[in-house]
Amino acid sequence: MWGFVALGLVFGFATLGAIACIFLIPLSVIHWQIKYGKLKTADRDYPRAKRDRLIALLLWLPASIVEILILFARVML
């Protein structure tokens, strides 16, 4: 019985973490763009960092839409 309670807590925390990521990832991408977007540098890793920022946003967008649809389905059913 206590195992099921612990399992419910773990899945509850995982769900809260997923919901937090829906908001934290785009906020961190926006923060990065504001802070480093107009940086002029000769660093060879900077273009890769800009590309990785775009990739993170493109991966986040469909995942967040799916997560919102799942949460909406849970509430409605």
PDB file of N, CA and C in Angstrom:
ATOM      1  N   MET A   1       0.812  -1.183   0.000  1.00  0.00           N
ATOM      2  CA  MET A   1       0.000   0.000   0.000  1.00  0.00           C
ATOM      3  C   MET A   1       0.865   1.261   0.000  1.00  0.00           C
ATOM      4  N   TRP A   2       1.894   1.280   0.852  1.00  0.00           N
ATOM      5  CA  TRP A   2       2.774   2.441   0.916  1.00  0.00           C
ATOM      6  C   TRP A   2       3.554   2.602  -0.385  1.00  0.00           C
ATOM      7  N   GLY A   3       3.770   1.497  -1.061  1.00  0.00           N
ATOM      8  CA  GLY A   3       4.452   1.564  -2.354  1.00  0.00           C
ATOM      9  C   GLY A   3       3.627   2.330  -3.376  1.00  0.00           C
ATOM     10  N   PHE A   4       2.297   2.112  -3.358  1.00  0.00           N
ATOM     11  CA  PHE A   4       1.430   2.845  -4.277  1.00  0.00           C
ATOM     12  C   PHE A   4       1.380   4.337  -3.943  1.00  0.00           C
ATOM     13  N   VAL A   5       1.422   4.643  -2.664  1.00  0.00           N
ATOM     14  CA  VAL A   5       1.462   6.049  -2.253  1.00  0.00           C
ATOM     15  C   VAL A   5       2.754   6.698  -2.752  1.00  0.00           C
ATOM     16  N   ALA A   6       3.873   6.004  -2.570  1.00  0.00           N
ATOM     17  CA  ALA A   6       5.159   6.532  -3.033  1.00  0.00           C
ATOM     18  C   ALA A   6       5.170   6.674  -4.552  1.00  0.00           C
ATOM     19  N   LEU A   7       4.605   5.706  -5.251  1.00  0.00           N
ATOM     20  CA  LEU A   7       4.544   5.762  -6.704  1.00  0.00           C
ATOM     21  C   LEU A   7       3.697   6.948  -7.174  1.00  0.00           C
ATOM     22  N   GLY A   8       2.581   7.189  -6.496  1.00  0.00           N
ATOM     23  CA  GLY A   8       1.747   8.341  -6.824  1.00  0.00           C
ATOM     24  C   GLY A   8       2.469   9.648  -6.603  1.00  0.00           C
ATOM     25  N   LEU A   9       3.260   9.730  -5.531  1.00  0.00           N
ATOM     26  CA  LEU A   9       4.034  10.944  -5.272  1.00  0.00           C
ATOM     27  C   LEU A   9       5.086  11.171  -6.344  1.00  0.00           C
ATOM     28  N   VAL A  10       5.756  10.092  -6.754  1.00  0.00           N
ATOM     29  CA  VAL A  10       6.783  10.219  -7.788  1.00  0.00           C
ATOM     30  C   VAL A  10       6.165  10.722  -9.086  1.00  0.00           C
ATOM     31  N   PHE A  11       5.040  10.111  -9.506  1.00  0.00           N
ATOM     32  CA  PHE A  11       4.397  10.549 -10.731  1.00  0.00           C
ATOM     33  C   PHE A  11       3.813  11.956 -10.595  1.00  0.00           C
ATOM     34  N   GLY A  12       3.371  12.311  -9.410  1.00  0.00           N
ATOM     35  CA  GLY A  12       2.875  13.665  -9.174  1.00  0.00           C
ATOM     36  C   GLY A  12       3.979  14.697  -9.324  1.00  0.00           C
ATOM     37  N   PHE A  13       5.163  14.404  -8.758  1.00  0.00           N
ATOM     38  CA  PHE A  13       6.296  15.317  -8.898  1.00  0.00           C
ATOM     39  C   PHE A  13       6.772  15.386 -10.341  1.00  0.00           C
ATOM     40  N   ALA A  14       6.732  14.262 -11.048  1.00  0.00           N
ATOM     41  CA  ALA A  14       7.132  14.259 -12.460  1.00  0.00           C
ATOM     42  C   ALA A  14       6.181  15.122 -13.289  1.00  0.00           C
ATOM     43  N   THR A  15       4.894  15.053 -12.987  1.00  0.00           N
ATOM     44  CA  THR A  15       3.924  15.875 -13.703  1.00  0.00           C
ATOM     45  C   THR A  15       4.157  17.353 -13.411  1.00  0.00           C
ATOM     46  N   LEU A  16       4.422  17.692 -12.169  1.00  0.00           N
ATOM     47  CA  LEU A  16       4.718  19.083 -11.824  1.00  0.00           C
ATOM     48  C   LEU A  16       5.986  19.571 -12.519  1.00  0.00           C
ATOM     49  N   GLY A  17       6.980  18.693 -12.611  1.00  0.00           N
ATOM     50  CA  GLY A  17       8.208  19.052 -13.318  1.00  0.00           C
ATOM     51  C   GLY A  17       7.963  19.298 -14.793  1.00  0.00           C
ATOM     52  N   ALA A  18       7.121  18.482 -15.410  1.00  0.00           N
ATOM     53  CA  ALA A  18       6.792  18.670 -16.833  1.00  0.00           C
ATOM     54  C   ALA A  18       6.041  19.972 -17.040  1.00  0.00           C
ATOM     55  N   ILE A  19       5.131  20.293 -16.148  1.00  0.00           N
ATOM     56  CA  ILE A  19       4.387  21.548 -16.252  1.00  0.00           C
ATOM     57  C   ILE A  19       5.337  22.735 -16.071  1.00  0.00           C
ATOM     58  N   ALA A  20       6.274  22.622 -15.144  1.00  0.00           N
ATOM     59  CA  ALA A  20       7.239  23.703 -14.935  1.00  0.00           C
ATOM     60  C   ALA A  20       8.105  23.911 -16.179  1.00  0.00           C
ATOM     61  N   CYS A  21       8.470  22.829 -16.847  1.00  0.00           N
ATOM     62  CA  CYS A  21       9.297  22.952 -18.051  1.00  0.00           C
ATOM     63  C   CYS A  21       8.561  23.648 -19.183  1.00  0.00           C
ATOM     64  N   ILE A  22       7.245  23.529 -19.209  1.00  0.00           N
ATOM     65  CA  ILE A  22       6.471  24.216 -20.240  1.00  0.00           C
ATOM     66  C   ILE A  22       6.727  25.717 -20.173  1.00  0.00           C
ATOM     67  N   PHE A  23       6.923  26.250 -18.979  1.00  0.00           N
ATOM     68  CA  PHE A  23       7.129  27.683 -18.814  1.00  0.00           C
ATOM     69  C   PHE A  23       8.599  28.072 -18.688  1.00  0.00           C
ATOM     70  N   LEU A  24       9.432  27.221 -18.103  1.00  0.00           N
ATOM     71  CA  LEU A  24      10.813  27.589 -17.841  1.00  0.00           C
ATOM     72  C   LEU A  24      11.696  27.552 -19.080  1.00  0.00           C
ATOM     73  N   ILE A  25      11.458  26.622 -19.983  1.00  0.00           N
ATOM     74  CA  ILE A  25      12.313  26.523 -21.172  1.00  0.00           C
ATOM     75  C   ILE A  25      12.181  27.754 -22.061  1.00  0.00           C
ATOM     76  N   PRO A  26      10.970  28.184 -22.421  1.00  0.00           N
ATOM     77  CA  PRO A  26      10.930  29.393 -23.264  1.00  0.00           C
ATOM     78  C   PRO A  26      11.428  30.636 -22.539  1.00  0.00           C
ATOM     79  N   LEU A  27      11.230  30.698 -21.227  1.00  0.00           N
ATOM     80  CA  LEU A  27      11.753  31.845 -20.478  1.00  0.00           C
ATOM     81  C   LEU A  27      13.281  31.865 -20.505  1.00  0.00           C
ATOM     82  N   SER A  28      13.904  30.709 -20.390  1.00  0.00           N
ATOM     83  CA  SER A  28      15.365  30.670 -20.437  1.00  0.00           C
ATOM     84  C   SER A  28      15.884  30.978 -21.839  1.00  0.00           C
ATOM     85  N   VAL A  29      15.161  30.561 -22.873  1.00  0.00           N
ATOM     86  CA  VAL A  29      15.563  30.895 -24.247  1.00  0.00           C
ATOM     87  C   VAL A  29      15.444  32.400 -24.484  1.00  0.00           C
ATOM     88  N   ILE A  30      14.380  33.006 -24.004  1.00  0.00           N
ATOM     89  CA  ILE A  30      14.202  34.448 -24.138  1.00  0.00           C
ATOM     90  C   ILE A  30      15.290  35.199 -23.369  1.00  0.00           C
ATOM     91  N   HIS A  31      15.587  34.721 -22.172  1.00  0.00           N
ATOM     92  CA  HIS A  31      16.643  35.344 -21.369  1.00  0.00           C
ATOM     93  C   HIS A  31      17.977  35.263 -22.102  1.00  0.00           C
ATOM     94  N   TRP A  32      18.300  34.102 -22.688  1.00  0.00           N
ATOM     95  CA  TRP A  32      19.548  33.944 -23.420  1.00  0.00           C
ATOM     96  C   TRP A  32      19.587  34.907 -24.604  1.00  0.00           C
ATOM     97  N   GLN A  33      18.488  35.034 -25.318  1.00  0.00           N
ATOM     98  CA  GLN A  33      18.450  35.915 -26.484  1.00  0.00           C
ATOM     99  C   GLN A  33      18.660  37.370 -26.077  1.00  0.00           C
ATOM    100  N   ILE A  34      18.052  37.782 -24.988  1.00  0.00           N
ATOM    101  CA  ILE A  34      18.207  39.164 -24.519  1.00  0.00           C
ATOM    102  C   ILE A  34      19.646  39.422 -24.066  1.00  0.00           C
ATOM    103  N   LYS A  35      20.223  38.472 -23.351  1.00  0.00           N
ATOM    104  CA  LYS A  35      21.542  38.668 -22.781  1.00  0.00           C
ATOM    105  C   LYS A  35      22.664  38.513 -23.812  1.00  0.00           C
ATOM    106  N   TYR A  36      22.569  37.509 -24.694  1.00  0.00           N
ATOM    107  CA  TYR A  36      23.669  37.197 -25.590  1.00  0.00           C
ATOM    108  C   TYR A  36      23.328  37.352 -27.072  1.00  0.00           C
ATOM    109  N   GLY A  37      22.128  37.742 -27.419  1.00  0.00           N
ATOM    110  CA  GLY A  37      21.706  37.767 -28.811  1.00  0.00           C
ATOM    111  C   GLY A  37      22.485  38.718 -29.703  1.00  0.00           C
ATOM    112  N   LYS A  38      22.887  39.856 -29.184  1.00  0.00           N
ATOM    113  CA  LYS A  38      23.606  40.850 -29.987  1.00  0.00           C
ATOM    114  C   LYS A  38      25.101  40.872 -29.683  1.00  0.00           C
ATOM    115  N   LEU A  39      25.579  39.850 -29.056  1.00  0.00           N
ATOM    116  CA  LEU A  39      26.986  39.758 -28.693  1.00  0.00           C
ATOM    117  C   LEU A  39      27.847  39.634 -29.947  1.00  0.00           C
ATOM    118  N   LYS A  40      28.873  40.446 -30.041  1.00  0.00           N
ATOM    119  CA  LYS A  40      29.838  40.372 -31.137  1.00  0.00           C
ATOM    120  C   LYS A  40      31.088  39.693 -30.608  1.00  0.00           C
ATOM    121  N   THR A  41      31.393  38.539 -31.152  1.00  0.00           N
ATOM    122  CA  THR A  41      32.526  37.783 -30.672  1.00  0.00           C
ATOM    123  C   THR A  41      33.132  36.963 -31.811  1.00  0.00           C
ATOM    124  N   ALA A  42      34.390  36.618 -31.660  1.00  0.00           N
ATOM    125  CA  ALA A  42      35.068  35.759 -32.627  1.00  0.00           C
ATOM    126  C   ALA A  42      35.070  34.305 -32.164  1.00  0.00           C
ATOM    127  N   ASP A  43      34.392  34.035 -31.082  1.00  0.00           N
ATOM    128  CA  ASP A  43      34.336  32.679 -30.542  1.00  0.00           C
ATOM    129  C   ASP A  43      33.656  31.743 -31.536  1.00  0.00           C
ATOM    130  N   ARG A  44      34.297  30.619 -31.815  1.00  0.00           N
ATOM    131  CA  ARG A  44      33.750  29.678 -32.792  1.00  0.00           C
ATOM    132  C   ARG A  44      32.541  28.925 -32.251  1.00  0.00           C
ATOM    133  N   ASP A  45      32.363  28.896 -30.949  1.00  0.00           N
ATOM    134  CA  ASP A  45      31.226  28.185 -30.351  1.00  0.00           C
ATOM    135  C   ASP A  45      29.954  29.030 -30.317  1.00  0.00           C
ATOM    136  N   TYR A  46      30.069  30.321 -30.544  1.00  0.00           N
ATOM    137  CA  TYR A  46      28.892  31.192 -30.460  1.00  0.00           C
ATOM    138  C   TYR A  46      27.830  30.864 -31.512  1.00  0.00           C
ATOM    139  N   PRO A  47      28.185  30.664 -32.780  1.00  0.00           N
ATOM    140  CA  PRO A  47      27.138  30.275 -33.741  1.00  0.00           C
ATOM    141  C   PRO A  47      26.479  28.943 -33.387  1.00  0.00           C
ATOM    142  N   ARG A  48      27.245  28.042 -32.827  1.00  0.00           N
ATOM    143  CA  ARG A  48      26.676  26.756 -32.395  1.00  0.00           C
ATOM    144  C   ARG A  48      25.709  26.968 -31.235  1.00  0.00           C
ATOM    145  N   ALA A  49      26.029  27.870 -30.329  1.00  0.00           N
ATOM    146  CA  ALA A  49      25.133  28.157 -29.211  1.00  0.00           C
ATOM    147  C   ALA A  49      23.835  28.777 -29.708  1.00  0.00           C
ATOM    148  N   LYS A  50      23.925  29.656 -30.703  1.00  0.00           N
ATOM    149  CA  LYS A  50      22.713  30.249 -31.271  1.00  0.00           C
ATOM    150  C   LYS A  50      21.865  29.184 -31.965  1.00  0.00           C
ATOM    151  N   ARG A  51      22.524  28.254 -32.654  1.00  0.00           N
ATOM    152  CA  ARG A  51      21.803  27.168 -33.307  1.00  0.00           C
ATOM    153  C   ARG A  51      21.156  26.249 -32.271  1.00  0.00           C
ATOM    154  N   ASP A  52      21.873  25.952 -31.211  1.00  0.00           N
ATOM    155  CA  ASP A  52      21.332  25.095 -30.150  1.00  0.00           C
ATOM    156  C   ASP A  52      20.136  25.739 -29.463  1.00  0.00           C
ATOM    157  N   ARG A  53      20.146  27.059 -29.350  1.00  0.00           N
ATOM    158  CA  ARG A  53      19.003  27.779 -28.781  1.00  0.00           C
ATOM    159  C   ARG A  53      17.766  27.577 -29.640  1.00  0.00           C
ATOM    160  N   LEU A  54      17.945  27.673 -30.946  1.00  0.00           N
ATOM    161  CA  LEU A  54      16.830  27.479 -31.865  1.00  0.00           C
ATOM    162  C   LEU A  54      16.338  26.028 -31.835  1.00  0.00           C
ATOM    163  N   ILE A  55      17.263  25.084 -31.778  1.00  0.00           N
ATOM    164  CA  ILE A  55      16.884  23.666 -31.707  1.00  0.00           C
ATOM    165  C   ILE A  55      16.107  23.385 -30.432  1.00  0.00           C
ATOM    166  N   ALA A  56      16.539  23.950 -29.319  1.00  0.00           N
ATOM    167  CA  ALA A  56      15.833  23.745 -28.053  1.00  0.00           C
ATOM    168  C   ALA A  56      14.409  24.276 -28.139  1.00  0.00           C
ATOM    169  N   LEU A  57      14.252  25.422 -28.760  1.00  0.00           N
ATOM    170  CA  LEU A  57      12.914  25.993 -28.898  1.00  0.00           C
ATOM    171  C   LEU A  57      12.044  25.139 -29.818  1.00  0.00           C
ATOM    172  N   LEU A  58      12.624  24.638 -30.907  1.00  0.00           N
ATOM    173  CA  LEU A  58      11.862  23.804 -31.838  1.00  0.00           C
ATOM    174  C   LEU A  58      11.505  22.444 -31.234  1.00  0.00           C
ATOM    175  N   LEU A  59      12.320  21.926 -30.351  1.00  0.00           N
ATOM    176  CA  LEU A  59      11.988  20.681 -29.653  1.00  0.00           C
ATOM    177  C   LEU A  59      10.960  20.919 -28.557  1.00  0.00           C
ATOM    178  N   TRP A  60      11.036  22.067 -27.936  1.00  0.00           N
ATOM    179  CA  TRP A  60      10.120  22.376 -26.839  1.00  0.00           C
ATOM    180  C   TRP A  60       8.703  22.592 -27.331  1.00  0.00           C
ATOM    181  N   LEU A  61       8.549  23.265 -28.458  1.00  0.00           N
ATOM    182  CA  LEU A  61       7.224  23.663 -28.919  1.00  0.00           C
ATOM    183  C   LEU A  61       6.272  22.483 -29.111  1.00  0.00           C
ATOM    184  N   PRO A  62       6.606  21.454 -29.906  1.00  0.00           N
ATOM    185  CA  PRO A  62       5.651  20.349 -30.046  1.00  0.00           C
ATOM    186  C   PRO A  62       5.462  19.567 -28.748  1.00  0.00           C
ATOM    187  N   ALA A  63       6.524  19.445 -27.968  1.00  0.00           N
ATOM    188  CA  ALA A  63       6.395  18.713 -26.708  1.00  0.00           C
ATOM    189  C   ALA A  63       5.461  19.426 -25.747  1.00  0.00           C
ATOM    190  N   SER A  64       5.521  20.745 -25.716  1.00  0.00           N
ATOM    191  CA  SER A  64       4.634  21.480 -24.810  1.00  0.00           C
ATOM    192  C   SER A  64       3.187  21.415 -25.283  1.00  0.00           C
ATOM    193  N   ILE A  65       2.987  21.425 -26.596  1.00  0.00           N
ATOM    194  CA  ILE A  65       1.620  21.312 -27.114  1.00  0.00           C
ATOM    195  C   ILE A  65       1.031  19.959 -26.740  1.00  0.00           C
ATOM    196  N   VAL A  66       1.825  18.893 -26.891  1.00  0.00           N
ATOM    197  CA  VAL A  66       1.353  17.557 -26.515  1.00  0.00           C
ATOM    198  C   VAL A  66       1.061  17.495 -25.020  1.00  0.00           C
ATOM    199  N   GLU A  67       1.925  18.070 -24.212  1.00  0.00           N
ATOM    200  CA  GLU A  67       1.732  18.059 -22.765  1.00  0.00           C
ATOM    201  C   GLU A  67       0.464  18.820 -22.375  1.00  0.00           C
ATOM    202  N   ILE A  68       0.224  19.950 -22.991  1.00  0.00           N
ATOM    203  CA  ILE A  68      -0.990  20.713 -22.695  1.00  0.00           C
ATOM    204  C   ILE A  68      -2.226  19.937 -23.107  1.00  0.00           C
ATOM    205  N   LEU A  69      -2.169  19.263 -24.264  1.00  0.00           N
ATOM    206  CA  LEU A  69      -3.310  18.440 -24.701  1.00  0.00           C
ATOM    207  C   LEU A  69      -3.561  17.289 -23.750  1.00  0.00           C
ATOM    208  N   ILE A  70      -2.501  16.661 -23.246  1.00  0.00           N
ATOM    209  CA  ILE A  70      -2.651  15.564 -22.285  1.00  0.00           C
ATOM    210  C   ILE A  70      -3.295  16.077 -20.992  1.00  0.00           C
ATOM    211  N   LEU A  71      -2.799  17.198 -20.502  1.00  0.00           N
ATOM    212  CA  LEU A  71      -3.366  17.770 -19.275  1.00  0.00           C
ATOM    213  C   LEU A  71      -4.831  18.164 -19.477  1.00  0.00           C
ATOM    214  N   PHE A  72      -5.137  18.730 -20.638  1.00  0.00           N
ATOM    215  CA  PHE A  72      -6.510  19.110 -20.937  1.00  0.00           C
ATOM    216  C   PHE A  72      -7.413  17.878 -20.990  1.00  0.00           C
ATOM    217  N   ALA A  73      -6.916  16.798 -21.592  1.00  0.00           N
ATOM    218  CA  ALA A  73      -7.693  15.560 -21.671  1.00  0.00           C
ATOM    219  C   ALA A  73      -7.940  14.973 -20.275  1.00  0.00           C
ATOM    220  N   ARG A  74      -6.928  15.054 -19.422  1.00  0.00           N
ATOM    221  CA  ARG A  74      -7.093  14.540 -18.053  1.00  0.00           C
ATOM    222  C   ARG A  74      -8.164  15.305 -17.287  1.00  0.00           C
ATOM    223  N   VAL A  75      -8.169  16.606 -17.465  1.00  0.00           N
ATOM    224  CA  VAL A  75      -9.129  17.443 -16.742  1.00  0.00           C
ATOM    225  C   VAL A  75     -10.544  17.203 -17.262  1.00  0.00           C
ATOM    226  N   MET A  76     -10.664  17.089 -18.571  1.00  0.00           N
ATOM    227  CA  MET A  76     -11.993  16.948 -19.166  1.00  0.00           C
ATOM    228  C   MET A  76     -12.577  15.545 -18.991  1.00  0.00           C
ATOM    229  N   LEU A  77     -11.718  14.538 -18.880  1.00  0.00           N
ATOM    230  CA  LEU A  77     -12.232  13.171 -18.714  1.00  0.00           C
ATOM    231  C   LEU A  77     -12.234  12.778 -17.307  1.00  0.00           C
TER     232      LEU A  77
END
